[in-house]
Structure formats: C-alpha cells, structure tokens
Amino acid sequence: MKDDNEVNVLDELNKGACMGMDAIHFILEKVKDDNLRTELNRQYEKYKKISDEICELYPEYSDKKPHETNAMNKVMTWYGVNMKTLTDDSTSKIAELLVQGTNMGIIEGRKLLNHKETDPNVTRLTKEYVTMQEEAIEKLKHFL
C-alpha cells in the first residue's frame, strides 16, 4: 500500500465520474435533440471508462473499493435536474446545466493536479479525466 494521496485522488476522481454518469442518466430522458443524445452517450462511456480504470488501479493502493456517489447525492442530482428543467427543458438549458456540472469536475480535477503529489499512473488518470471533461464542454457549447 502506498501513500493516502493516491487513494484520496482516485476516490475523488471516481466520485466525479459517478456523478457525471448519474447526471447524464437522469437528464437523458429529457433530451429531445438526437445529436445531444449521441454526445451524452459518448460522454457517459468516457466516464465509465475512467471509472473502470480507477477500479483496476485502486487495488495497488487500498484493499477497499473506490468511493462512489452515495444515495443522497444521487437523489439530489435527480432532484436538481428535474427542478432546473421544470420550466425549461430545451436543448440549450440542458447543455447549460451539463456545462455547469462539468466545470465543477474540471475545477476539482485541476485542484487535485495542482495540490496532490501522486505517482505517475494516478497523475496520468487525473489528467485524462480533466482533458475528457474539457473536451466535453467544447462539445456541449454547440448546444447552448
């Protein structure tokens, strides 16, 4: 087992990836635009890939499982999606909500990169996570 930094960073990345998958899952039922639906399915798969990589790497640092979003966070995400799209479920509004959420993930990922020293495999995965989210925002901007 290595330093707690690796476990902490992997836990945070996995929570972020799970939150991204939850948000996409909850919002997909409201998406009317086929191009946005395709993009969100692509993003979901990227979050899933990152989460799978975290699960593969995690046993090198801990004998536990990576942290995921808890039931309360899932409920709050579902509730937030439904409340924020109650009066406006347009493609633009959905893209806006996703950009806001993705920005939070980028901020958290950048903080991890800037303030946590980790071994090269964890650093690589953190960079991959941040880059994936930055690319997602660029794609979502077209739907605003």
Protein backbone atom coordinates (compact mmCIF):
# COMPACT_ATOMS: atom_id res chain seq x y z
CA MET A 1 0.00 0.00 0.00
CA LYS A 2 1.22 3.47 -0.86
CA ASP A 3 0.52 6.99 0.24
CA ASP A 4 -3.01 8.11 1.07
CA ASN A 5 -2.72 10.77 -1.66
CA GLU A 6 -3.28 8.17 -4.37
CA VAL A 7 -6.35 6.74 -2.61
CA ASN A 8 -7.73 10.24 -2.00
CA VAL A 9 -7.26 11.31 -5.62
CA LEU A 10 -8.70 8.07 -7.03
CA ASP A 11 -11.69 8.36 -4.69
CA GLU A 12 -12.34 11.95 -5.80
CA LEU A 13 -11.98 11.05 -9.47
CA ASN A 14 -14.33 8.11 -9.12
CA LYS A 15 -16.93 10.19 -7.28
CA GLY A 16 -16.71 12.76 -10.08
CA ALA A 17 -17.04 10.11 -12.78
CA CYS A 18 -20.02 8.54 -10.98
CA MET A 19 -21.63 11.97 -10.58
CA GLY A 20 -21.16 12.59 -14.31
CA MET A 21 -22.73 9.25 -15.19
CA ASP A 22 -25.63 9.88 -12.78
CA ALA A 23 -26.31 13.34 -14.21
CA ILE A 24 -26.26 12.05 -17.78
CA HIS A 25 -28.50 9.12 -16.84
CA PHE A 26 -31.05 11.43 -15.18
CA ILE A 27 -31.04 14.05 -17.92
CA LEU A 28 -31.16 11.71 -20.95
CA GLU A 29 -34.92 11.22 -20.57
CA LYS A 30 -35.39 14.96 -21.14
CA VAL A 31 -33.15 15.21 -24.21
CA LYS A 32 -35.06 15.75 -27.46
CA ASP A 33 -32.10 16.52 -29.74
CA ASP A 34 -30.63 13.34 -31.26
CA ASN A 35 -27.18 14.92 -31.65
CA LEU A 36 -27.09 15.88 -27.96
CA ARG A 37 -28.29 12.41 -27.00
CA THR A 38 -25.45 10.88 -29.05
CA GLU A 39 -22.92 13.22 -27.43
CA LEU A 40 -24.17 12.44 -23.93
CA ASN A 41 -23.99 8.70 -24.57
CA ARG A 42 -20.39 9.19 -25.75
CA GLN A 43 -19.58 11.18 -22.61
CA TYR A 44 -21.23 8.55 -20.42
CA GLU A 45 -18.96 5.89 -21.94
CA LYS A 46 -15.89 8.05 -21.26
CA TYR A 47 -16.88 8.50 -17.62
CA LYS A 48 -17.45 4.74 -17.41
CA LYS A 49 -14.01 4.05 -18.91
CA ILE A 50 -12.34 6.35 -16.35
CA SER A 51 -14.26 4.68 -13.51
CA ASP A 52 -13.25 1.23 -14.80
CA GLU A 53 -9.59 2.33 -14.95
CA ILE A 54 -9.83 3.62 -11.38
CA CYS A 55 -11.24 0.28 -10.23
CA GLU A 56 -8.34 -1.53 -11.94
CA LEU A 57 -5.71 0.77 -10.40
CA TYR A 58 -7.24 1.05 -6.93
CA PRO A 59 -6.04 -2.31 -5.51
CA GLU A 60 -2.44 -1.09 -5.84
CA TYR A 61 -3.18 1.47 -3.10
CA SER A 62 -6.01 0.08 -1.00
CA ASP A 63 -7.77 -3.16 -0.17
CA LYS A 64 -11.10 -1.34 -0.22
CA LYS A 65 -13.28 -0.24 -3.15
CA PRO A 66 -13.19 3.28 -4.62
CA HIS A 67 -15.73 5.73 -3.25
CA GLU A 68 -18.81 6.36 -5.38
CA THR A 69 -21.62 8.86 -5.06
CA ASN A 70 -23.92 7.94 -2.20
CA ALA A 71 -27.69 7.58 -2.41
CA MET A 72 -28.29 11.10 -1.09
CA ASN A 73 -26.09 12.64 -3.79
CA LYS A 74 -27.93 10.63 -6.44
CA VAL A 75 -31.28 11.87 -5.14
CA MET A 76 -30.02 15.46 -5.02
CA THR A 77 -28.70 15.18 -8.59
CA TRP A 78 -32.01 13.76 -9.80
CA TYR A 79 -33.95 16.44 -7.92
CA GLY A 80 -31.69 19.22 -9.24
CA VAL A 81 -32.09 18.04 -12.83
CA ASN A 82 -35.85 17.88 -12.50
CA MET A 83 -36.22 21.23 -10.77
CA LYS A 84 -33.89 23.08 -13.14
CA THR A 85 -35.67 21.71 -16.20
CA LEU A 86 -39.21 22.03 -14.86
CA THR A 87 -40.00 25.20 -16.80
CA ASP A 88 -37.30 24.92 -19.47
CA ASP A 89 -36.15 21.57 -20.80
CA SER A 90 -34.78 22.95 -24.04
CA THR A 91 -31.59 21.59 -25.55
CA SER A 92 -29.85 24.83 -24.65
CA LYS A 93 -30.91 24.63 -20.99
CA ILE A 94 -29.83 21.00 -20.72
CA ALA A 95 -26.45 21.83 -22.27
CA GLU A 96 -26.08 24.76 -19.85
CA LEU A 97 -26.70 22.53 -16.82
CA LEU A 98 -24.22 19.97 -18.08
CA VAL A 99 -21.57 22.63 -18.76
CA GLN A 100 -22.01 23.93 -15.20
CA GLY A 101 -21.66 20.47 -13.69
CA THR A 102 -18.71 19.58 -15.90
CA ASN A 103 -16.98 22.82 -14.93
CA MET A 104 -17.20 21.76 -11.29
CA GLY A 105 -15.49 18.49 -12.23
CA ILE A 106 -12.73 20.33 -14.07
CA ILE A 107 -12.13 22.60 -11.09
CA GLU A 108 -11.89 19.63 -8.74
CA GLY A 109 -9.60 17.76 -11.14
CA ARG A 110 -7.30 20.77 -11.55
CA LYS A 111 -7.11 21.19 -7.77
CA LEU A 112 -6.08 17.55 -7.47
CA LEU A 113 -3.39 18.02 -10.11
CA ASN A 114 -2.08 21.22 -8.55
CA HIS A 115 -2.14 20.23 -4.88
CA LYS A 116 -1.71 16.46 -4.63
CA GLU A 117 1.56 14.73 -5.42
CA THR A 118 0.75 11.29 -6.83
CA ASP A 119 2.56 8.58 -8.68
CA PRO A 120 2.63 8.73 -12.49
CA ASN A 121 -0.30 6.35 -13.06
CA VAL A 122 -2.66 8.37 -10.86
CA THR A 123 -1.41 11.66 -12.31
CA ARG A 124 -1.97 10.34 -15.84
CA LEU A 125 -5.51 9.28 -14.98
CA THR A 126 -6.24 12.65 -13.36
CA LYS A 127 -5.02 14.45 -16.48
CA GLU A 128 -7.12 12.13 -18.65
CA TYR A 129 -10.19 12.92 -16.51
CA VAL A 130 -9.66 16.70 -16.76
CA THR A 131 -8.95 16.57 -20.50
CA MET A 132 -12.05 14.44 -21.10
CA GLN A 133 -14.18 16.99 -19.26
CA GLU A 134 -12.63 19.95 -21.06
CA GLU A 135 -13.38 18.25 -24.38
CA ALA A 136 -16.95 17.57 -23.22
CA ILE A 137 -17.51 21.27 -22.53
CA GLU A 138 -16.28 22.16 -26.02
CA LYS A 139 -18.82 19.72 -27.49
CA LEU A 140 -21.63 20.95 -25.23
CA LYS A 141 -21.04 24.58 -26.19
CA HIS A 142 -22.52 23.79 -29.61
CA PHE A 143 -25.85 23.02 -27.96
CA LEU A 144 -26.11 26.24 -25.91
